[in-house]
Amino acid sequence: MSDHTYQFNVKMHCSGCSGAVQRALGKADGACPPHFRGHYLILSPCFCGMRMTGISSYEVSLEKQEVTVNTARSYEDVLQVISKTGKEVLSGTTIA
């Protein structure tokens, strides 16, 4: 799987906003997909070896209101991670 670079224009008012986006992207890096072990749903920690391909790198700029992500994941996956922070994604594009 090859990496892609996505850039998002995200409405962030303060360092708390940009920090929330950074934490979400950091958690998405190498996150384990939910799976069952017997009758129990295992969410974390992951010891199963089924880790998803994570995010290679990311940059969150409060000043520019931009988030740039280099990842093997799809555009929609990254958009969902950022959107779950509650921050408004004004636009997004694939750079490479």
N, C-alpha and C. Protein backbone atom coordinates (compact mmCIF):
# COMPACT_ATOMS: atom_id res chain seq x y z
N MET A 1 0.83 -1.18 0.00
CA MET A 1 0.00 0.00 0.00
C MET A 1 0.88 1.25 0.00
N SER A 2 0.63 2.18 -0.90
CA SER A 2 1.44 3.38 -0.96
C SER A 2 0.83 4.50 -0.12
N ASP A 3 1.69 5.38 0.35
CA ASP A 3 1.23 6.50 1.16
C ASP A 3 0.66 7.60 0.28
N HIS A 4 -0.31 8.32 0.84
CA HIS A 4 -0.92 9.48 0.22
C HIS A 4 -0.76 10.65 1.18
N THR A 5 -0.79 11.85 0.64
CA THR A 5 -0.76 13.04 1.48
C THR A 5 -2.07 13.79 1.30
N TYR A 6 -2.75 14.02 2.41
CA TYR A 6 -4.02 14.74 2.41
C TYR A 6 -3.86 16.02 3.20
N GLN A 7 -4.54 17.08 2.75
CA GLN A 7 -4.52 18.34 3.48
C GLN A 7 -5.96 18.76 3.74
N PHE A 8 -6.22 19.10 5.00
CA PHE A 8 -7.56 19.49 5.42
C PHE A 8 -7.52 20.90 5.99
N ASN A 9 -8.54 21.69 5.67
CA ASN A 9 -8.73 23.00 6.28
C ASN A 9 -9.69 22.78 7.44
N VAL A 10 -9.19 22.89 8.67
CA VAL A 10 -9.97 22.55 9.87
C VAL A 10 -10.12 23.79 10.74
N LYS A 11 -11.35 24.08 11.15
CA LYS A 11 -11.63 25.24 12.00
C LYS A 11 -11.16 24.94 13.42
N MET A 12 -10.09 25.62 13.85
CA MET A 12 -9.51 25.44 15.18
C MET A 12 -9.32 26.82 15.81
N HIS A 13 -9.84 27.01 17.03
CA HIS A 13 -9.80 28.32 17.67
C HIS A 13 -8.61 28.52 18.61
N CYS A 14 -8.09 27.44 19.17
CA CYS A 14 -7.06 27.57 20.20
C CYS A 14 -6.16 26.34 20.20
N SER A 15 -5.17 26.35 21.10
CA SER A 15 -4.25 25.21 21.19
C SER A 15 -4.97 23.95 21.67
N GLY A 16 -6.06 24.12 22.39
CA GLY A 16 -6.86 22.96 22.81
C GLY A 16 -7.48 22.26 21.61
N CYS A 17 -7.94 23.06 20.66
CA CYS A 17 -8.54 22.51 19.43
C CYS A 17 -7.49 21.75 18.62
N SER A 18 -6.34 22.39 18.41
CA SER A 18 -5.30 21.72 17.62
C SER A 18 -4.75 20.51 18.36
N GLY A 19 -4.71 20.59 19.69
CA GLY A 19 -4.26 19.45 20.50
C GLY A 19 -5.20 18.27 20.38
N ALA A 20 -6.51 18.54 20.30
CA ALA A 20 -7.49 17.47 20.14
C ALA A 20 -7.28 16.73 18.82
N VAL A 21 -7.00 17.48 17.77
CA VAL A 21 -6.75 16.87 16.46
C VAL A 21 -5.46 16.06 16.50
N GLN A 22 -4.41 16.61 17.12
CA GLN A 22 -3.14 15.89 17.24
C GLN A 22 -3.32 14.58 18.02
N ARG A 23 -4.07 14.63 19.12
CA ARG A 23 -4.29 13.41 19.91
C ARG A 23 -5.05 12.36 19.11
N ALA A 24 -6.07 12.80 18.36
CA ALA A 24 -6.86 11.86 17.56
C ALA A 24 -6.01 11.19 16.49
N LEU A 25 -5.18 11.97 15.82
CA LEU A 25 -4.31 11.40 14.78
C LEU A 25 -3.26 10.49 15.40
N GLY A 26 -2.76 10.86 16.57
CA GLY A 26 -1.78 10.02 17.27
C GLY A 26 -2.36 8.68 17.68
N LYS A 27 -3.63 8.70 18.12
CA LYS A 27 -4.29 7.45 18.50
C LYS A 27 -4.60 6.59 17.29
N ALA A 28 -4.85 7.23 16.14
CA ALA A 28 -5.16 6.49 14.92
C ALA A 28 -3.93 5.81 14.35
N ASP A 29 -2.76 6.26 14.76
CA ASP A 29 -1.52 5.69 14.26
C ASP A 29 -1.32 4.29 14.81
N GLY A 30 -1.55 3.29 13.98
CA GLY A 30 -1.37 1.90 14.39
C GLY A 30 -2.49 1.36 15.25
N ALA A 31 -3.66 1.96 15.15
CA ALA A 31 -4.79 1.51 15.98
C ALA A 31 -5.22 0.10 15.59
N CYS A 32 -5.61 -0.65 16.57
CA CYS A 32 -6.07 -2.02 16.35
C CYS A 32 -7.56 -2.01 16.04
N PRO A 33 -8.01 -2.74 15.03
CA PRO A 33 -9.44 -2.79 14.76
C PRO A 33 -10.15 -3.59 15.84
N PRO A 34 -11.40 -3.22 16.18
CA PRO A 34 -12.15 -4.01 17.16
C PRO A 34 -12.33 -5.43 16.65
N HIS A 35 -12.20 -6.42 17.52
CA HIS A 35 -12.37 -7.81 17.12
C HIS A 35 -12.82 -8.63 18.33
N PHE A 36 -13.32 -9.81 18.06
CA PHE A 36 -13.84 -10.66 19.12
C PHE A 36 -12.84 -11.75 19.49
N ARG A 37 -12.75 -12.02 20.77
CA ARG A 37 -12.00 -13.16 21.28
C ARG A 37 -13.02 -13.95 22.10
N GLY A 38 -13.46 -15.06 21.53
CA GLY A 38 -14.54 -15.80 22.18
C GLY A 38 -15.81 -14.97 22.09
N HIS A 39 -16.44 -14.72 23.24
CA HIS A 39 -17.66 -13.93 23.28
C HIS A 39 -17.40 -12.49 23.70
N TYR A 40 -16.15 -12.09 23.80
CA TYR A 40 -15.82 -10.76 24.30
C TYR A 40 -15.26 -9.88 23.19
N LEU A 41 -15.74 -8.65 23.14
CA LEU A 41 -15.21 -7.68 22.18
C LEU A 41 -13.96 -7.05 22.78
N ILE A 42 -12.84 -7.18 22.07
CA ILE A 42 -11.57 -6.63 22.52
C ILE A 42 -11.34 -5.31 21.78
N LEU A 43 -11.24 -4.19 22.52
CA LEU A 43 -10.99 -2.90 21.89
C LEU A 43 -9.54 -2.46 22.04
N SER A 44 -8.95 -2.69 23.20
CA SER A 44 -7.55 -2.33 23.44
C SER A 44 -7.15 -2.86 24.79
N PRO A 45 -5.90 -3.07 25.06
CA PRO A 45 -4.79 -2.95 24.13
C PRO A 45 -4.79 -4.11 23.14
N CYS A 46 -4.02 -3.97 22.09
CA CYS A 46 -3.99 -4.98 21.04
C CYS A 46 -2.78 -5.88 21.20
N PHE A 47 -3.04 -7.16 21.35
CA PHE A 47 -1.96 -8.15 21.41
C PHE A 47 -2.16 -9.21 20.33
N CYS A 48 -3.06 -8.92 19.38
CA CYS A 48 -3.45 -9.95 18.42
C CYS A 48 -2.61 -9.93 17.15
N GLY A 49 -1.85 -8.88 16.92
CA GLY A 49 -1.08 -8.79 15.69
C GLY A 49 -1.91 -8.33 14.51
N MET A 50 -3.12 -7.84 14.73
CA MET A 50 -4.01 -7.38 13.66
C MET A 50 -4.01 -5.86 13.55
N ARG A 51 -2.90 -5.21 13.81
CA ARG A 51 -2.86 -3.76 13.79
C ARG A 51 -3.07 -3.24 12.36
N MET A 52 -3.84 -2.18 12.26
CA MET A 52 -4.10 -1.55 10.98
C MET A 52 -2.89 -0.70 10.58
N THR A 53 -2.74 -0.47 9.28
CA THR A 53 -1.69 0.43 8.82
C THR A 53 -2.00 1.81 9.37
N GLY A 54 -1.01 2.43 9.98
CA GLY A 54 -1.24 3.70 10.64
C GLY A 54 -0.87 4.90 9.79
N ILE A 55 -0.77 6.00 10.47
CA ILE A 55 -0.43 7.27 9.86
C ILE A 55 1.08 7.44 9.92
N SER A 56 1.71 7.69 8.78
CA SER A 56 3.17 7.84 8.74
C SER A 56 3.62 9.12 9.42
N SER A 57 2.95 10.23 9.11
CA SER A 57 3.27 11.51 9.73
C SER A 57 2.08 12.45 9.59
N TYR A 58 2.08 13.47 10.45
CA TYR A 58 1.03 14.49 10.36
C TYR A 58 1.54 15.79 10.93
N GLU A 59 0.95 16.88 10.48
CA GLU A 59 1.29 18.21 10.97
C GLU A 59 -0.02 18.97 11.16
N VAL A 60 -0.19 19.54 12.34
CA VAL A 60 -1.37 20.33 12.66
C VAL A 60 -0.92 21.77 12.87
N SER A 61 -1.42 22.69 12.04
CA SER A 61 -1.04 24.10 12.14
C SER A 61 -2.25 24.92 12.56
N LEU A 62 -2.23 25.39 13.81
CA LEU A 62 -3.30 26.26 14.31
C LEU A 62 -3.28 27.58 13.54
N GLU A 63 -2.09 28.10 13.30
CA GLU A 63 -1.93 29.38 12.61
C GLU A 63 -2.54 29.35 11.20
N LYS A 64 -2.28 28.28 10.45
CA LYS A 64 -2.78 28.16 9.08
C LYS A 64 -4.15 27.51 9.01
N GLN A 65 -4.61 26.94 10.14
CA GLN A 65 -5.88 26.21 10.17
C GLN A 65 -5.83 25.01 9.23
N GLU A 66 -4.67 24.34 9.17
CA GLU A 66 -4.45 23.22 8.27
C GLU A 66 -3.97 21.98 9.01
N VAL A 67 -4.39 20.84 8.49
CA VAL A 67 -3.91 19.54 8.97
C VAL A 67 -3.42 18.78 7.75
N THR A 68 -2.16 18.38 7.77
CA THR A 68 -1.57 17.62 6.67
C THR A 68 -1.21 16.23 7.19
N VAL A 69 -1.67 15.21 6.48
CA VAL A 69 -1.49 13.83 6.93
C VAL A 69 -0.89 12.99 5.80
N ASN A 70 0.17 12.25 6.13
CA ASN A 70 0.79 11.31 5.20
C ASN A 70 0.46 9.91 5.71
N THR A 71 -0.28 9.14 4.93
CA THR A 71 -0.80 7.86 5.40
C THR A 71 -1.10 6.91 4.25
N ALA A 72 -1.20 5.64 4.58
CA ALA A 72 -1.65 4.64 3.61
C ALA A 72 -3.17 4.47 3.68
N ARG A 73 -3.78 5.08 4.68
CA ARG A 73 -5.24 4.99 4.83
C ARG A 73 -5.95 5.84 3.77
N SER A 74 -7.25 5.59 3.63
CA SER A 74 -8.04 6.33 2.65
C SER A 74 -8.35 7.74 3.15
N TYR A 75 -8.70 8.60 2.23
CA TYR A 75 -9.11 9.97 2.55
C TYR A 75 -10.27 9.95 3.55
N GLU A 76 -11.24 9.08 3.30
CA GLU A 76 -12.42 8.99 4.15
C GLU A 76 -12.06 8.58 5.58
N ASP A 77 -11.11 7.66 5.73
CA ASP A 77 -10.67 7.23 7.07
C ASP A 77 -10.08 8.40 7.85
N VAL A 78 -9.22 9.17 7.20
CA VAL A 78 -8.58 10.31 7.88
C VAL A 78 -9.61 11.39 8.18
N LEU A 79 -10.50 11.65 7.24
CA LEU A 79 -11.56 12.63 7.46
C LEU A 79 -12.41 12.24 8.67
N GLN A 80 -12.71 10.97 8.80
CA GLN A 80 -13.51 10.49 9.92
C GLN A 80 -12.77 10.69 11.25
N VAL A 81 -11.48 10.41 11.28
CA VAL A 81 -10.68 10.60 12.50
C VAL A 81 -10.72 12.06 12.94
N ILE A 82 -10.52 12.97 11.99
CA ILE A 82 -10.53 14.40 12.33
C ILE A 82 -11.93 14.85 12.74
N SER A 83 -12.94 14.41 12.02
CA SER A 83 -14.32 14.81 12.31
C SER A 83 -14.79 14.37 13.68
N LYS A 84 -14.30 13.23 14.14
CA LYS A 84 -14.70 12.72 15.46
C LYS A 84 -14.24 13.62 16.61
N THR A 85 -13.32 14.54 16.34
CA THR A 85 -12.89 15.49 17.37
C THR A 85 -13.93 16.57 17.60
N GLY A 86 -14.89 16.67 16.69
CA GLY A 86 -15.91 17.71 16.78
C GLY A 86 -15.50 19.00 16.09
N LYS A 87 -14.31 19.03 15.52
CA LYS A 87 -13.85 20.22 14.79
C LYS A 87 -14.42 20.19 13.38
N GLU A 88 -14.80 21.36 12.89
CA GLU A 88 -15.40 21.47 11.57
C GLU A 88 -14.32 21.39 10.49
N VAL A 89 -14.47 20.43 9.59
CA VAL A 89 -13.56 20.30 8.45
C VAL A 89 -14.19 21.09 7.30
N LEU A 90 -13.56 22.22 6.95
CA LEU A 90 -14.11 23.11 5.93
C LEU A 90 -13.86 22.60 4.52
N SER A 91 -12.69 21.97 4.31
CA SER A 91 -12.36 21.41 3.00
C SER A 91 -11.21 20.43 3.16
N GLY A 92 -10.99 19.67 2.12
CA GLY A 92 -9.89 18.71 2.13
C GLY A 92 -9.50 18.36 0.71
N THR A 93 -8.24 18.01 0.54
CA THR A 93 -7.76 17.67 -0.79
C THR A 93 -6.64 16.64 -0.70
N THR A 94 -6.46 15.92 -1.79
CA THR A 94 -5.35 14.98 -1.89
C THR A 94 -4.20 15.71 -2.57
N ILE A 95 -3.06 15.78 -1.89
CA ILE A 95 -1.89 16.47 -2.43
C ILE A 95 -1.05 15.51 -3.27
N ALA A 96 -0.84 14.31 -2.76
CA ALA A 96 -0.03 13.32 -3.48
C ALA A 96 -0.56 11.93 -3.22
